[in-house]
Amino acid sequence: MMGNPWAGEVSLVLDGVEHDLKLTLGALAEFEAALDDETVLQLIERFEAGQFSTRDVLGLVVAGLRGGGWQGRSSDLLSVEIEGGLLGATKAAAQLLARAFAGGAD
């Protein structure tokens, strides 16, 4: 299993298991609702400026996992080993945004 960049998918390994992440419209809407008064477009601007938080990264990873069919909760990720650590999760989050809004492979 490997994320299909042309379908907007990104792969991320959690506890040794590869997952395909994708930002579907439903997953984005759920994530945006948790952003308080901020929109996803404002989040993208913050990512582009390097002004994002680990909460942003986790939120995008959870949204991508849900868009890929995962049924867990964000709290499930608190004890999960993410391949590549924070850098790996941040890279996956940035790729999710790029693929969801730019379309196709990056």
PDB file of N, CA and C in Angstrom:
ATOM      1  N   MET A   1       0.850  -1.169   0.000  1.00  0.00           N
ATOM      2  CA  MET A   1       0.000   0.000   0.000  1.00  0.00           C
ATOM      3  C   MET A   1       0.896   1.231   0.000  1.00  0.00           C
ATOM      4  N   MET A   2       0.663   2.107  -0.906  1.00  0.00           N
ATOM      5  CA  MET A   2       1.416   3.354  -0.949  1.00  0.00           C
ATOM      6  C   MET A   2       0.485   4.429  -1.463  1.00  0.00           C
ATOM      7  N   GLY A   3       0.483   5.560  -0.783  1.00  0.00           N
ATOM      8  CA  GLY A   3      -0.404   6.642  -1.176  1.00  0.00           C
ATOM      9  C   GLY A   3      -0.245   7.018  -2.634  1.00  0.00           C
ATOM     10  N   ASN A   4      -1.357   7.229  -3.311  1.00  0.00           N
ATOM     11  CA  ASN A   4      -1.371   7.628  -4.709  1.00  0.00           C
ATOM     12  C   ASN A   4      -1.393   9.158  -4.769  1.00  0.00           C
ATOM     13  N   PRO A   5      -0.266   9.778  -5.110  1.00  0.00           N
ATOM     14  CA  PRO A   5      -0.230  11.248  -5.136  1.00  0.00           C
ATOM     15  C   PRO A   5      -1.223  11.851  -6.122  1.00  0.00           C
ATOM     16  N   TRP A   6      -1.543  11.141  -7.188  1.00  0.00           N
ATOM     17  CA  TRP A   6      -2.482  11.667  -8.182  1.00  0.00           C
ATOM     18  C   TRP A   6      -3.907  11.682  -7.658  1.00  0.00           C
ATOM     19  N   ALA A   7      -4.168  10.891  -6.601  1.00  0.00           N
ATOM     20  CA  ALA A   7      -5.483  10.883  -5.953  1.00  0.00           C
ATOM     21  C   ALA A   7      -5.466  11.728  -4.685  1.00  0.00           C
ATOM     22  N   GLY A   8      -4.359  12.455  -4.436  1.00  0.00           N
ATOM     23  CA  GLY A   8      -4.244  13.295  -3.264  1.00  0.00           C
ATOM     24  C   GLY A   8      -3.857  12.551  -2.003  1.00  0.00           C
ATOM     25  N   GLU A   9      -3.414  11.316  -2.151  1.00  0.00           N
ATOM     26  CA  GLU A   9      -3.075  10.497  -0.986  1.00  0.00           C
ATOM     27  C   GLU A   9      -1.618  10.669  -0.570  1.00  0.00           C
ATOM     28  N   VAL A  10      -1.400  10.487   0.734  1.00  0.00           N
ATOM     29  CA  VAL A  10      -0.076  10.533   1.346  1.00  0.00           C
ATOM     30  C   VAL A  10       0.028   9.316   2.250  1.00  0.00           C
ATOM     31  N   SER A  11       1.176   8.665   2.273  1.00  0.00           N
ATOM     32  CA  SER A  11       1.383   7.522   3.171  1.00  0.00           C
ATOM     33  C   SER A  11       2.091   7.976   4.435  1.00  0.00           C
ATOM     34  N   LEU A  12       1.687   7.360   5.552  1.00  0.00           N
ATOM     35  CA  LEU A  12       2.319   7.614   6.833  1.00  0.00           C
ATOM     36  C   LEU A  12       2.314   6.307   7.615  1.00  0.00           C
ATOM     37  N   VAL A  13       3.447   5.975   8.228  1.00  0.00           N
ATOM     38  CA  VAL A  13       3.571   4.723   8.973  1.00  0.00           C
ATOM     39  C   VAL A  13       3.357   5.009  10.459  1.00  0.00           C
ATOM     40  N   LEU A  14       2.361   4.328  11.028  1.00  0.00           N
ATOM     41  CA  LEU A  14       2.023   4.448  12.441  1.00  0.00           C
ATOM     42  C   LEU A  14       2.198   3.085  13.091  1.00  0.00           C
ATOM     43  N   ASP A  15       3.058   3.008  14.094  1.00  0.00           N
ATOM     44  CA  ASP A  15       3.345   1.739  14.776  1.00  0.00           C
ATOM     45  C   ASP A  15       3.688   0.627  13.785  1.00  0.00           C
ATOM     46  N   GLY A  16       4.449   0.977  12.761  1.00  0.00           N
ATOM     47  CA  GLY A  16       4.905  -0.008  11.794  1.00  0.00           C
ATOM     48  C   GLY A  16       3.897  -0.369  10.716  1.00  0.00           C
ATOM     49  N   VAL A  17       2.716   0.236  10.735  1.00  0.00           N
ATOM     50  CA  VAL A  17       1.674  -0.056   9.748  1.00  0.00           C
ATOM     51  C   VAL A  17       1.478   1.166   8.859  1.00  0.00           C
ATOM     52  N   GLU A  18       1.579   0.950   7.555  1.00  0.00           N
ATOM     53  CA  GLU A  18       1.414   2.055   6.605  1.00  0.00           C
ATOM     54  C   GLU A  18      -0.061   2.372   6.406  1.00  0.00           C
ATOM     55  N   HIS A  19      -0.377   3.667   6.459  1.00  0.00           N
ATOM     56  CA  HIS A  19      -1.743   4.146   6.250  1.00  0.00           C
ATOM     57  C   HIS A  19      -1.739   5.146   5.108  1.00  0.00           C
ATOM     58  N   ASP A  20      -2.794   5.104   4.294  1.00  0.00           N
ATOM     59  CA  ASP A  20      -2.989   6.119   3.262  1.00  0.00           C
ATOM     60  C   ASP A  20      -3.883   7.209   3.824  1.00  0.00           C
ATOM     61  N   LEU A  21      -3.419   8.446   3.741  1.00  0.00           N
ATOM     62  CA  LEU A  21      -4.151   9.603   4.225  1.00  0.00           C
ATOM     63  C   LEU A  21      -4.657  10.387   3.031  1.00  0.00           C
ATOM     64  N   LYS A  22      -5.856  10.975   3.177  1.00  0.00           N
ATOM     65  CA  LYS A  22      -6.422  11.785   2.104  1.00  0.00           C
ATOM     66  C   LYS A  22      -7.357  12.814   2.719  1.00  0.00           C
ATOM     67  N   LEU A  23      -7.277  14.042   2.271  1.00  0.00           N
ATOM     68  CA  LEU A  23      -8.159  15.087   2.765  1.00  0.00           C
ATOM     69  C   LEU A  23      -9.422  15.139   1.912  1.00  0.00           C
ATOM     70  N   THR A  24     -10.424  14.395   2.341  1.00  0.00           N
ATOM     71  CA  THR A  24     -11.719  14.439   1.663  1.00  0.00           C
ATOM     72  C   THR A  24     -12.464  15.686   2.115  1.00  0.00           C
ATOM     73  N   LEU A  25     -13.516  16.032   1.426  1.00  0.00           N
ATOM     74  CA  LEU A  25     -14.298  17.208   1.786  1.00  0.00           C
ATOM     75  C   LEU A  25     -14.870  17.058   3.197  1.00  0.00           C
ATOM     76  N   GLY A  26     -15.380  15.880   3.525  1.00  0.00           N
ATOM     77  CA  GLY A  26     -15.923  15.649   4.862  1.00  0.00           C
ATOM     78  C   GLY A  26     -14.867  15.772   5.943  1.00  0.00           C
ATOM     79  N   ALA A  27     -13.685  15.191   5.703  1.00  0.00           N
ATOM     80  CA  ALA A  27     -12.595  15.273   6.679  1.00  0.00           C
ATOM     81  C   ALA A  27     -12.123  16.713   6.848  1.00  0.00           C
ATOM     82  N   LEU A  28     -12.072  17.459   5.750  1.00  0.00           N
ATOM     83  CA  LEU A  28     -11.684  18.871   5.829  1.00  0.00           C
ATOM     84  C   LEU A  28     -12.716  19.690   6.604  1.00  0.00           C
ATOM     85  N   ALA A  29     -13.984  19.419   6.380  1.00  0.00           N
ATOM     86  CA  ALA A  29     -15.041  20.148   7.085  1.00  0.00           C
ATOM     87  C   ALA A  29     -14.972  19.878   8.588  1.00  0.00           C
ATOM     88  N   GLU A  30     -14.746  18.616   8.961  1.00  0.00           N
ATOM     89  CA  GLU A  30     -14.619  18.269  10.370  1.00  0.00           C
ATOM     90  C   GLU A  30     -13.402  18.948  10.987  1.00  0.00           C
ATOM     91  N   PHE A  31     -12.296  18.944  10.258  1.00  0.00           N
ATOM     92  CA  PHE A  31     -11.076  19.577  10.752  1.00  0.00           C
ATOM     93  C   PHE A  31     -11.274  21.087  10.891  1.00  0.00           C
ATOM     94  N   GLU A  32     -11.888  21.711   9.890  1.00  0.00           N
ATOM     95  CA  GLU A  32     -12.093  23.158   9.920  1.00  0.00           C
ATOM     96  C   GLU A  32     -12.978  23.558  11.098  1.00  0.00           C
ATOM     97  N   ALA A  33     -13.951  22.727  11.438  1.00  0.00           N
ATOM     98  CA  ALA A  33     -14.825  23.013  12.581  1.00  0.00           C
ATOM     99  C   ALA A  33     -14.029  23.075  13.879  1.00  0.00           C
ATOM    100  N   ALA A  34     -12.932  22.337  13.944  1.00  0.00           N
ATOM    101  CA  ALA A  34     -12.104  22.319  15.149  1.00  0.00           C
ATOM    102  C   ALA A  34     -11.080  23.459  15.176  1.00  0.00           C
ATOM    103  N   LEU A  35     -11.009  24.252  14.114  1.00  0.00           N
ATOM    104  CA  LEU A  35     -10.028  25.333  14.028  1.00  0.00           C
ATOM    105  C   LEU A  35     -10.496  26.624  14.690  1.00  0.00           C
ATOM    106  N   ASP A  36     -11.563  26.588  15.443  1.00  0.00           N
ATOM    107  CA  ASP A  36     -12.122  27.773  16.078  1.00  0.00           C
ATOM    108  C   ASP A  36     -12.591  28.746  15.002  1.00  0.00           C
ATOM    109  N   ASP A  37     -12.021  29.926  14.950  1.00  0.00           N
ATOM    110  CA  ASP A  37     -12.473  30.941  13.989  1.00  0.00           C
ATOM    111  C   ASP A  37     -11.618  30.995  12.731  1.00  0.00           C
ATOM    112  N   GLU A  38     -10.750  30.032  12.555  1.00  0.00           N
ATOM    113  CA  GLU A  38      -9.832  30.021  11.417  1.00  0.00           C
ATOM    114  C   GLU A  38     -10.375  29.114  10.310  1.00  0.00           C
ATOM    115  N   THR A  39     -10.043  29.451   9.075  1.00  0.00           N
ATOM    116  CA  THR A  39     -10.426  28.605   7.947  1.00  0.00           C
ATOM    117  C   THR A  39      -9.230  27.755   7.520  1.00  0.00           C
ATOM    118  N   VAL A  40      -9.504  26.755   6.709  1.00  0.00           N
ATOM    119  CA  VAL A  40      -8.429  25.919   6.183  1.00  0.00           C
ATOM    120  C   VAL A  40      -7.486  26.760   5.329  1.00  0.00           C
ATOM    121  N   LEU A  41      -8.024  27.715   4.595  1.00  0.00           N
ATOM    122  CA  LEU A  41      -7.156  28.569   3.768  1.00  0.00           C
ATOM    123  C   LEU A  41      -6.202  29.389   4.626  1.00  0.00           C
ATOM    124  N   GLN A  42      -6.659  29.853   5.788  1.00  0.00           N
ATOM    125  CA  GLN A  42      -5.761  30.569   6.698  1.00  0.00           C
ATOM    126  C   GLN A  42      -4.691  29.621   7.246  1.00  0.00           C
ATOM    127  N   LEU A  43      -5.086  28.373   7.502  1.00  0.00           N
ATOM    128  CA  LEU A  43      -4.119  27.375   7.953  1.00  0.00           C
ATOM    129  C   LEU A  43      -3.050  27.146   6.881  1.00  0.00           C
ATOM    130  N   ILE A  44      -3.457  27.070   5.635  1.00  0.00           N
ATOM    131  CA  ILE A  44      -2.506  26.890   4.540  1.00  0.00           C
ATOM    132  C   ILE A  44      -1.514  28.050   4.518  1.00  0.00           C
ATOM    133  N   GLU A  45      -2.017  29.252   4.684  1.00  0.00           N
ATOM    134  CA  GLU A  45      -1.131  30.424   4.713  1.00  0.00           C
ATOM    135  C   GLU A  45      -0.126  30.321   5.853  1.00  0.00           C
ATOM    136  N   ARG A  46      -0.585  29.844   7.019  1.00  0.00           N
ATOM    137  CA  ARG A  46       0.335  29.670   8.147  1.00  0.00           C
ATOM    138  C   ARG A  46       1.370  28.594   7.850  1.00  0.00           C
ATOM    139  N   PHE A  47       0.959  27.503   7.189  1.00  0.00           N
ATOM    140  CA  PHE A  47       1.920  26.458   6.823  1.00  0.00           C
ATOM    141  C   PHE A  47       2.965  27.019   5.867  1.00  0.00           C
ATOM    142  N   GLU A  48       2.514  27.781   4.880  1.00  0.00           N
ATOM    143  CA  GLU A  48       3.437  28.360   3.914  1.00  0.00           C
ATOM    144  C   GLU A  48       4.427  29.299   4.576  1.00  0.00           C
ATOM    145  N   ALA A  49       3.999  29.960   5.657  1.00  0.00           N
ATOM    146  CA  ALA A  49       4.871  30.894   6.373  1.00  0.00           C
ATOM    147  C   ALA A  49       5.652  30.214   7.492  1.00  0.00           C
ATOM    148  N   GLY A  50       5.443  28.906   7.668  1.00  0.00           N
ATOM    149  CA  GLY A  50       6.128  28.181   8.736  1.00  0.00           C
ATOM    150  C   GLY A  50       5.594  28.524  10.116  1.00  0.00           C
ATOM    151  N   GLN A  51       4.365  29.008  10.193  1.00  0.00           N
ATOM    152  CA  GLN A  51       3.762  29.443  11.456  1.00  0.00           C
ATOM    153  C   GLN A  51       2.686  28.468  11.935  1.00  0.00           C
ATOM    154  N   PHE A  52       2.962  27.182  11.873  1.00  0.00           N
ATOM    155  CA  PHE A  52       1.990  26.165  12.276  1.00  0.00           C
ATOM    156  C   PHE A  52       2.434  25.535  13.593  1.00  0.00           C
ATOM    157  N   SER A  53       1.489  24.873  14.255  1.00  0.00           N
ATOM    158  CA  SER A  53       1.772  24.235  15.542  1.00  0.00           C
ATOM    159  C   SER A  53       1.701  22.713  15.402  1.00  0.00           C
ATOM    160  N   THR A  54       2.157  22.033  16.435  1.00  0.00           N
ATOM    161  CA  THR A  54       2.029  20.570  16.428  1.00  0.00           C
ATOM    162  C   THR A  54       0.558  20.182  16.454  1.00  0.00           C
ATOM    163  N   ARG A  55      -0.288  21.006  17.061  1.00  0.00           N
ATOM    164  CA  ARG A  55      -1.743  20.758  17.043  1.00  0.00           C
ATOM    165  C   ARG A  55      -2.269  20.785  15.610  1.00  0.00           C
ATOM    166  N   ASP A  56      -1.767  21.725  14.803  1.00  0.00           N
ATOM    167  CA  ASP A  56      -2.156  21.791  13.391  1.00  0.00           C
ATOM    168  C   ASP A  56      -1.749  20.515  12.664  1.00  0.00           C
ATOM    169  N   VAL A  57      -0.513  20.085  12.911  1.00  0.00           N
ATOM    170  CA  VAL A  57       0.006  18.880  12.256  1.00  0.00           C
ATOM    171  C   VAL A  57      -0.851  17.681  12.646  1.00  0.00           C
ATOM    172  N   LEU A  58      -1.106  17.519  13.940  1.00  0.00           N
ATOM    173  CA  LEU A  58      -1.911  16.395  14.403  1.00  0.00           C
ATOM    174  C   LEU A  58      -3.314  16.449  13.814  1.00  0.00           C
ATOM    175  N   GLY A  59      -3.903  17.630  13.765  1.00  0.00           N
ATOM    176  CA  GLY A  59      -5.240  17.772  13.194  1.00  0.00           C
ATOM    177  C   GLY A  59      -5.292  17.371  11.734  1.00  0.00           C
ATOM    178  N   LEU A  60      -4.285  17.760  10.976  1.00  0.00           N
ATOM    179  CA  LEU A  60      -4.235  17.387   9.557  1.00  0.00           C
ATOM    180  C   LEU A  60      -4.010  15.888   9.387  1.00  0.00           C
ATOM    181  N   VAL A  61      -3.149  15.315  10.221  1.00  0.00           N
ATOM    182  CA  VAL A  61      -2.912  13.865  10.151  1.00  0.00           C
ATOM    183  C   VAL A  61      -4.200  13.115  10.465  1.00  0.00           C
ATOM    184  N   VAL A  62      -4.905  13.528  11.508  1.00  0.00           N
ATOM    185  CA  VAL A  62      -6.170  12.874  11.861  1.00  0.00           C
ATOM    186  C   VAL A  62      -7.183  13.023  10.725  1.00  0.00           C
ATOM    187  N   ALA A  63      -7.299  14.230  10.166  1.00  0.00           N
ATOM    188  CA  ALA A  63      -8.228  14.447   9.050  1.00  0.00           C
ATOM    189  C   ALA A  63      -7.857  13.567   7.861  1.00  0.00           C
ATOM    190  N   GLY A  64      -6.549  13.476   7.571  1.00  0.00           N
ATOM    191  CA  GLY A  64      -6.106  12.625   6.465  1.00  0.00           C
ATOM    192  C   GLY A  64      -6.373  11.152   6.723  1.00  0.00           C
ATOM    193  N   LEU A  65      -6.144  10.725   7.949  1.00  0.00           N
ATOM    194  CA  LEU A  65      -6.437   9.334   8.315  1.00  0.00           C
ATOM    195  C   LEU A  65      -7.927   9.043   8.153  1.00  0.00           C
ATOM    196  N   ARG A  66      -8.752   9.948   8.645  1.00  0.00           N
ATOM    197  CA  ARG A  66     -10.203   9.755   8.530  1.00  0.00           C
ATOM    198  C   ARG A  66     -10.627   9.729   7.068  1.00  0.00           C
ATOM    199  N   GLY A  67     -10.053  10.629   6.271  1.00  0.00           N
ATOM    200  CA  GLY A  67     -10.354  10.630   4.840  1.00  0.00           C
ATOM    201  C   GLY A  67      -9.915   9.348   4.159  1.00  0.00           C
ATOM    202  N   GLY A  68      -8.935   8.680   4.741  1.00  0.00           N
ATOM    203  CA  GLY A  68      -8.465   7.395   4.227  1.00  0.00           C
ATOM    204  C   GLY A  68      -9.204   6.201   4.803  1.00  0.00           C
ATOM    205  N   GLY A  69     -10.206   6.458   5.643  1.00  0.00           N
ATOM    206  CA  GLY A  69     -11.032   5.381   6.166  1.00  0.00           C
ATOM    207  C   GLY A  69     -10.762   4.980   7.613  1.00  0.00           C
ATOM    208  N   TRP A  70      -9.812   5.614   8.264  1.00  0.00           N
ATOM    209  CA  TRP A  70      -9.471   5.298   9.648  1.00  0.00           C
ATOM    210  C   TRP A  70     -10.628   5.694  10.562  1.00  0.00           C
ATOM    211  N   GLN A  71     -10.910   4.874  11.559  1.00  0.00           N
ATOM    212  CA  GLN A  71     -12.041   5.124  12.450  1.00  0.00           C
ATOM    213  C   GLN A  71     -11.630   5.614  13.837  1.00  0.00           C
ATOM    214  N   GLY A  72     -10.354   5.912  14.032  1.00  0.00           N
ATOM    215  CA  GLY A  72      -9.862   6.299  15.349  1.00  0.00           C
ATOM    216  C   GLY A  72     -10.164   7.736  15.721  1.00  0.00           C
ATOM    217  N   ARG A  73      -9.631   8.119  16.878  1.00  0.00           N
ATOM    218  CA  ARG A  73      -9.757   9.485  17.389  1.00  0.00           C
ATOM    219  C   ARG A  73      -8.356  10.076  17.514  1.00  0.00           C
ATOM    220  N   SER A  74      -8.292  11.397  17.601  1.00  0.00           N
ATOM    221  CA  SER A  74      -6.979  12.033  17.717  1.00  0.00           C
ATOM    222  C   SER A  74      -6.249  11.560  18.967  1.00  0.00           C
ATOM    223  N   SER A  75      -6.965  11.283  20.037  1.00  0.00           N
ATOM    224  CA  SER A  75      -6.321  10.812  21.264  1.00  0.00           C
ATOM    225  C   SER A  75      -5.642   9.456  21.064  1.00  0.00           C
ATOM    226  N   ASP A  76      -6.077   8.689  20.075  1.00  0.00           N
ATOM    227  CA  ASP A  76      -5.435   7.397  19.778  1.00  0.00           C
ATOM    228  C   ASP A  76      -3.997   7.583  19.314  1.00  0.00           C
ATOM    229  N   LEU A  77      -3.679   8.755  18.794  1.00  0.00           N
ATOM    230  CA  LEU A  77      -2.336   9.000  18.261  1.00  0.00           C
ATOM    231  C   LEU A  77      -1.332   9.428  19.323  1.00  0.00           C
ATOM    232  N   LEU A  78      -1.807   9.679  20.540  1.00  0.00           N
ATOM    233  CA  LEU A  78      -0.907  10.134  21.598  1.00  0.00           C
ATOM    234  C   LEU A  78       0.156   9.102  21.954  1.00  0.00           C
ATOM    235  N   SER A  79      -0.149   7.822  21.784  1.00  0.00           N
ATOM    236  CA  SER A  79       0.806   6.774  22.146  1.00  0.00           C
ATOM    237  C   SER A  79       1.334   6.016  20.932  1.00  0.00           C
ATOM    238  N   VAL A  80       1.101   6.537  19.745  1.00  0.00           N
ATOM    239  CA  VAL A  80       1.528   5.881  18.505  1.00  0.00           C
ATOM    240  C   VAL A  80       2.907   6.376  18.099  1.00  0.00           C
ATOM    241  N   GLU A  81       3.722   5.446  17.618  1.00  0.00           N
ATOM    242  CA  GLU A  81       5.014   5.845  17.054  1.00  0.00           C
ATOM    243  C   GLU A  81       4.810   6.183  15.581  1.00  0.00           C
ATOM    244  N   ILE A  82       5.100   7.431  15.246  1.00  0.00           N
ATOM    245  CA  ILE A  82       4.977   7.898  13.864  1.00  0.00           C
ATOM    246  C   ILE A  82       6.351   7.815  13.229  1.00  0.00           C
ATOM    247  N   GLU A  83       6.443   7.088  12.132  1.00  0.00           N
ATOM    248  CA  GLU A  83       7.730   6.958  11.445  1.00  0.00           C
ATOM    249  C   GLU A  83       8.204   8.347  11.025  1.00  0.00           C
ATOM    250  N   GLY A  84       9.417   8.682  11.416  1.00  0.00           N
ATOM    251  CA  GLY A  84       9.962   9.996  11.105  1.00  0.00           C
ATOM    252  C   GLY A  84       9.656  11.024  12.176  1.00  0.00           C
ATOM    253  N   GLY A  85       8.901  10.639  13.210  1.00  0.00           N
ATOM    254  CA  GLY A  85       8.596  11.544  14.314  1.00  0.00           C
ATOM    255  C   GLY A  85       7.851  12.789  13.866  1.00  0.00           C
ATOM    256  N   LEU A  86       8.123  13.878  14.552  1.00  0.00           N
ATOM    257  CA  LEU A  86       7.453  15.138  14.243  1.00  0.00           C
ATOM    258  C   LEU A  86       7.735  15.588  12.808  1.00  0.00           C
ATOM    259  N   LEU A  87       8.966  15.400  12.358  1.00  0.00           N
ATOM    260  CA  LEU A  87       9.310  15.794  10.989  1.00  0.00           C
ATOM    261  C   LEU A  87       8.509  14.987   9.966  1.00  0.00           C
ATOM    262  N   GLY A  88       8.386  13.681  10.194  1.00  0.00           N
ATOM    263  CA  GLY A  88       7.616  12.831   9.282  1.00  0.00           C
ATOM    264  C   GLY A  88       6.147  13.220   9.255  1.00  0.00           C
ATOM    265  N   ALA A  89       5.579  13.511  10.430  1.00  0.00           N
ATOM    266  CA  ALA A  89       4.181  13.922  10.506  1.00  0.00           C
ATOM    267  C   ALA A  89       3.973  15.283   9.840  1.00  0.00           C
ATOM    268  N   THR A  90       4.926  16.198  10.044  1.00  0.00           N
ATOM    269  CA  THR A  90       4.831  17.531   9.442  1.00  0.00           C
ATOM    270  C   THR A  90       4.915  17.449   7.924  1.00  0.00           C
ATOM    271  N   LYS A  91       5.810  16.615   7.441  1.00  0.00           N
ATOM    272  CA  LYS A  91       5.939  16.435   5.986  1.00  0.00           C
ATOM    273  C   LYS A  91       4.647  15.870   5.406  1.00  0.00           C
ATOM    274  N   ALA A  92       4.059  14.883   6.087  1.00  0.00           N
ATOM    275  CA  ALA A  92       2.801  14.289   5.611  1.00  0.00           C
ATOM    276  C   ALA A  92       1.687  15.332   5.604  1.00  0.00           C
ATOM    277  N   ALA A  93       1.604  16.150   6.662  1.00  0.00           N
ATOM    278  CA  ALA A  93       0.572  17.183   6.744  1.00  0.00           C
ATOM    279  C   ALA A  93       0.730  18.199   5.610  1.00  0.00           C
ATOM    280  N   ALA A  94       1.955  18.635   5.370  1.00  0.00           N
ATOM    281  CA  ALA A  94       2.202  19.606   4.294  1.00  0.00           C
ATOM    282  C   ALA A  94       1.866  19.004   2.928  1.00  0.00           C
ATOM    283  N   GLN A  95       2.222  17.739   2.724  1.00  0.00           N
ATOM    284  CA  GLN A  95       1.898  17.074   1.455  1.00  0.00           C
ATOM    285  C   GLN A  95       0.389  16.936   1.284  1.00  0.00           C
ATOM    286  N   LEU A  96      -0.325  16.630   2.377  1.00  0.00           N
ATOM    287  CA  LEU A  96      -1.785  16.535   2.297  1.00  0.00           C
ATOM    288  C   LEU A  96      -2.390  17.842   1.812  1.00  0.00           C
ATOM    289  N   LEU A  97      -1.943  18.949   2.409  1.00  0.00           N
ATOM    290  CA  LEU A  97      -2.462  20.248   1.990  1.00  0.00           C
ATOM    291  C   LEU A  97      -2.126  20.534   0.529  1.00  0.00           C
ATOM    292  N   ALA A  98      -0.891  20.286   0.161  1.00  0.00           N
ATOM    293  CA  ALA A  98      -0.472  20.557  -1.220  1.00  0.00           C
ATOM    294  C   ALA A  98      -1.252  19.722  -2.212  1.00  0.00           C
ATOM    295  N   ARG A  99      -1.443  18.462  -1.915  1.00  0.00           N
ATOM    296  CA  ARG A  99      -2.153  17.573  -2.847  1.00  0.00           C
ATOM    297  C   ARG A  99      -3.634  17.843  -2.883  1.00  0.00           C
ATOM    298  N   ALA A 100      -4.222  18.257  -1.764  1.00  0.00           N
ATOM    299  CA  ALA A 100      -5.645  18.526  -1.725  1.00  0.00           C
ATOM    300  C   ALA A 100      -6.002  19.806  -2.478  1.00  0.00           C
ATOM    301  N   PHE A 101      -5.100  20.792  -2.428  1.00  0.00           N
ATOM    302  CA  PHE A 101      -5.427  22.090  -3.005  1.00  0.00           C
ATOM    303  C   PHE A 101      -4.720  22.382  -4.309  1.00  0.00           C
ATOM    304  N   ALA A 102      -3.632  21.666  -4.599  1.00  0.00           N
ATOM    305  CA  ALA A 102      -2.940  21.874  -5.871  1.00  0.00           C
ATOM    306  C   ALA A 102      -3.373  20.835  -6.890  1.00  0.00           C
ATOM    307  N   GLY A 103      -3.832  19.679  -6.387  1.00  0.00           N
ATOM    308  CA  GLY A 103      -4.252  18.592  -7.268  1.00  0.00           C
ATOM    309  C   GLY A 103      -3.057  17.858  -7.840  1.00  0.00           C
ATOM    310  N   GLY A 104      -3.136  16.556  -7.822  1.00  0.00           N
ATOM    311  CA  GLY A 104      -2.077  15.727  -8.402  1.00  0.00           C
ATOM    312  C   GLY A 104      -0.851  15.654  -7.537  1.00  0.00           C
ATOM    313  N   ALA A 105       0.208  15.100  -8.105  1.00  0.00           N
ATOM    314  CA  ALA A 105       1.459  14.878  -7.381  1.00  0.00           C
ATOM    315  C   ALA A 105       2.194  16.195  -7.186  1.00  0.00           C
ATOM    316  N   ASP A 106       3.003  16.225  -6.122  1.00  0.00           N
ATOM    317  CA  ASP A 106       3.822  17.424  -5.896  1.00  0.00           C
ATOM    318  C   ASP A 106       5.247  17.147  -6.252  1.00  0.00           C
TER     319      ASP A 106
END
